[in-house]
Amino acid sequence: ATKAPVELKDLPAPVQTTLQTDPIKQWTPTAAFLVTNADKTSYYEINLKKEDKTATIKMDKDGKAVK
């Protein structure tokens, strides 16, 4: 898989909308990447921060969680 950085402001609208919903909106996005798999499927990986904790979430271009 390849991983390319994406500006947070350039994330698709559905992804940005998901970031504004609970409980995710309690976290601050710090970085985002577009991950493209060998089979051409892709998803966004977003790093989040809340106080001293960090987390990573994955979602498709429609803002749905990716397992």
N, C-alpha and C. Protein backbone atom coordinates (compact mmCIF):
# COMPACT_ATOMS: atom_id res chain seq x y z
N ALA A 1 0.85 -1.20 0.00
CA ALA A 1 0.00 0.00 0.00
C ALA A 1 0.88 1.24 0.00
N THR A 2 0.39 2.30 -0.62
CA THR A 2 1.11 3.56 -0.60
C THR A 2 0.36 4.52 0.32
N LYS A 3 1.10 5.42 0.94
CA LYS A 3 0.51 6.34 1.91
C LYS A 3 0.97 7.75 1.55
N ALA A 4 0.02 8.59 1.13
CA ALA A 4 0.36 9.96 0.73
C ALA A 4 -0.28 10.95 1.69
N PRO A 5 0.48 11.94 2.14
CA PRO A 5 -0.09 12.95 3.03
C PRO A 5 -1.19 13.76 2.33
N VAL A 6 -2.20 14.12 3.08
CA VAL A 6 -3.30 14.94 2.56
C VAL A 6 -3.49 16.10 3.54
N GLU A 7 -3.65 17.30 3.02
CA GLU A 7 -3.97 18.44 3.90
C GLU A 7 -5.34 18.19 4.51
N LEU A 8 -5.49 18.48 5.80
CA LEU A 8 -6.79 18.26 6.45
C LEU A 8 -7.91 19.01 5.74
N LYS A 9 -7.61 20.22 5.24
CA LYS A 9 -8.64 21.01 4.56
C LYS A 9 -9.03 20.41 3.21
N ASP A 10 -8.20 19.50 2.68
CA ASP A 10 -8.48 18.89 1.38
C ASP A 10 -9.20 17.55 1.50
N LEU A 11 -9.50 17.12 2.72
CA LEU A 11 -10.24 15.86 2.89
C LEU A 11 -11.63 16.02 2.28
N PRO A 12 -12.19 14.92 1.73
CA PRO A 12 -13.55 15.01 1.17
C PRO A 12 -14.55 15.49 2.22
N ALA A 13 -15.57 16.19 1.77
CA ALA A 13 -16.58 16.75 2.68
C ALA A 13 -17.18 15.71 3.63
N PRO A 14 -17.54 14.49 3.15
CA PRO A 14 -18.13 13.51 4.09
C PRO A 14 -17.15 13.13 5.21
N VAL A 15 -15.86 13.10 4.89
CA VAL A 15 -14.85 12.78 5.91
C VAL A 15 -14.80 13.92 6.93
N GLN A 16 -14.79 15.15 6.44
CA GLN A 16 -14.77 16.30 7.36
C GLN A 16 -16.02 16.32 8.23
N THR A 17 -17.17 15.96 7.65
CA THR A 17 -18.42 15.91 8.42
C THR A 17 -18.32 14.88 9.54
N THR A 18 -17.77 13.70 9.23
CA THR A 18 -17.61 12.65 10.24
C THR A 18 -16.70 13.14 11.36
N LEU A 19 -15.66 13.88 11.02
CA LEU A 19 -14.74 14.40 12.03
C LEU A 19 -15.43 15.38 12.98
N GLN A 20 -16.56 15.95 12.56
CA GLN A 20 -17.29 16.92 13.38
C GLN A 20 -18.37 16.27 14.24
N THR A 21 -18.49 14.93 14.19
CA THR A 21 -19.53 14.26 14.96
C THR A 21 -18.95 13.63 16.23
N ASP A 22 -19.79 13.46 17.24
CA ASP A 22 -19.36 12.78 18.47
C ASP A 22 -19.14 11.31 18.19
N PRO A 23 -18.19 10.65 18.84
CA PRO A 23 -17.24 11.24 19.81
C PRO A 23 -15.98 11.79 19.15
N ILE A 24 -15.88 11.68 17.83
CA ILE A 24 -14.64 12.06 17.14
C ILE A 24 -14.32 13.54 17.31
N LYS A 25 -15.35 14.39 17.35
CA LYS A 25 -15.08 15.83 17.39
C LYS A 25 -14.40 16.27 18.68
N GLN A 26 -14.37 15.41 19.68
CA GLN A 26 -13.65 15.74 20.91
C GLN A 26 -12.13 15.64 20.70
N TRP A 27 -11.74 15.06 19.57
CA TRP A 27 -10.32 14.89 19.23
C TRP A 27 -9.95 15.92 18.17
N THR A 28 -8.69 16.30 18.15
CA THR A 28 -8.19 17.25 17.15
C THR A 28 -7.41 16.49 16.09
N PRO A 29 -7.80 16.60 14.82
CA PRO A 29 -7.02 15.94 13.76
C PRO A 29 -5.65 16.62 13.66
N THR A 30 -4.60 15.83 13.54
CA THR A 30 -3.25 16.39 13.44
C THR A 30 -2.62 16.11 12.08
N ALA A 31 -3.01 15.02 11.43
CA ALA A 31 -2.46 14.69 10.11
C ALA A 31 -3.40 13.72 9.42
N ALA A 32 -3.34 13.73 8.09
CA ALA A 32 -4.19 12.82 7.32
C ALA A 32 -3.38 12.25 6.16
N PHE A 33 -3.72 11.03 5.79
CA PHE A 33 -3.04 10.35 4.69
C PHE A 33 -4.06 9.62 3.84
N LEU A 34 -3.78 9.54 2.55
CA LEU A 34 -4.59 8.71 1.66
C LEU A 34 -3.79 7.43 1.44
N VAL A 35 -4.36 6.31 1.88
CA VAL A 35 -3.69 5.02 1.73
C VAL A 35 -4.34 4.29 0.56
N THR A 36 -3.51 3.89 -0.41
CA THR A 36 -4.01 3.17 -1.58
C THR A 36 -3.43 1.76 -1.57
N ASN A 37 -4.32 0.77 -1.58
CA ASN A 37 -3.90 -0.63 -1.55
C ASN A 37 -3.53 -1.11 -2.95
N ALA A 38 -2.90 -2.28 -3.00
CA ALA A 38 -2.48 -2.87 -4.27
C ALA A 38 -3.68 -3.08 -5.20
N ASP A 39 -4.85 -3.38 -4.62
CA ASP A 39 -6.04 -3.63 -5.46
C ASP A 39 -6.78 -2.34 -5.82
N LYS A 40 -6.11 -1.20 -5.60
CA LYS A 40 -6.63 0.12 -5.97
C LYS A 40 -7.72 0.65 -5.05
N THR A 41 -8.09 -0.11 -4.01
CA THR A 41 -9.02 0.45 -3.04
C THR A 41 -8.22 1.45 -2.20
N SER A 42 -8.91 2.42 -1.65
CA SER A 42 -8.19 3.41 -0.85
C SER A 42 -9.05 3.87 0.32
N TYR A 43 -8.38 4.42 1.30
CA TYR A 43 -9.08 4.97 2.46
C TYR A 43 -8.22 6.07 3.04
N TYR A 44 -8.82 6.87 3.90
CA TYR A 44 -8.10 7.94 4.58
C TYR A 44 -7.73 7.49 5.98
N GLU A 45 -6.50 7.79 6.37
CA GLU A 45 -6.03 7.49 7.72
C GLU A 45 -5.80 8.85 8.38
N ILE A 46 -6.46 9.08 9.50
CA ILE A 46 -6.38 10.38 10.15
C ILE A 46 -5.87 10.22 11.57
N ASN A 47 -4.82 10.97 11.88
CA ASN A 47 -4.25 10.95 13.22
C ASN A 47 -4.97 11.99 14.06
N LEU A 48 -5.33 11.60 15.28
CA LEU A 48 -6.08 12.47 16.18
C LEU A 48 -5.34 12.63 17.49
N LYS A 49 -5.61 13.74 18.16
CA LYS A 49 -4.97 14.00 19.45
C LYS A 49 -6.01 14.57 20.41
N LYS A 50 -5.95 14.14 21.66
CA LYS A 50 -6.79 14.72 22.72
C LYS A 50 -5.95 14.76 23.99
N GLU A 51 -5.62 15.96 24.43
CA GLU A 51 -4.72 16.14 25.57
C GLU A 51 -3.44 15.35 25.31
N ASP A 52 -3.13 14.35 26.15
CA ASP A 52 -1.88 13.62 25.93
C ASP A 52 -2.11 12.28 25.22
N LYS A 53 -3.31 12.06 24.71
CA LYS A 53 -3.61 10.80 24.02
C LYS A 53 -3.59 11.01 22.51
N THR A 54 -3.23 9.95 21.79
CA THR A 54 -3.31 10.00 20.33
C THR A 54 -4.07 8.79 19.85
N ALA A 55 -4.65 8.90 18.67
CA ALA A 55 -5.41 7.80 18.07
C ALA A 55 -5.34 7.95 16.56
N THR A 56 -5.66 6.87 15.88
CA THR A 56 -5.72 6.89 14.42
C THR A 56 -7.04 6.28 14.00
N ILE A 57 -7.74 6.95 13.09
CA ILE A 57 -8.97 6.37 12.56
C ILE A 57 -8.82 6.23 11.05
N LYS A 58 -9.57 5.30 10.51
CA LYS A 58 -9.55 5.07 9.06
C LYS A 58 -10.97 5.19 8.55
N MET A 59 -11.15 5.92 7.45
CA MET A 59 -12.47 5.99 6.84
C MET A 59 -12.36 6.15 5.34
N ASP A 60 -13.42 5.72 4.66
CA ASP A 60 -13.43 5.85 3.20
C ASP A 60 -13.84 7.26 2.81
N LYS A 61 -13.87 7.53 1.51
CA LYS A 61 -14.17 8.88 1.02
C LYS A 61 -15.57 9.34 1.39
N ASP A 62 -16.44 8.38 1.78
CA ASP A 62 -17.80 8.72 2.18
C ASP A 62 -17.92 8.96 3.68
N GLY A 63 -16.79 8.92 4.39
CA GLY A 63 -16.80 9.18 5.82
C GLY A 63 -17.19 7.99 6.67
N LYS A 64 -17.22 6.79 6.06
CA LYS A 64 -17.58 5.57 6.80
C LYS A 64 -16.32 4.92 7.35
N ALA A 65 -16.43 4.34 8.53
CA ALA A 65 -15.28 3.68 9.15
C ALA A 65 -14.81 2.51 8.30
N VAL A 66 -13.49 2.35 8.23
CA VAL A 66 -12.88 1.23 7.53
C VAL A 66 -12.25 0.34 8.58
N LYS A 67 -12.49 -0.96 8.49
CA LYS A 67 -11.93 -1.90 9.46
C LYS A 67 -10.46 -2.13 9.15
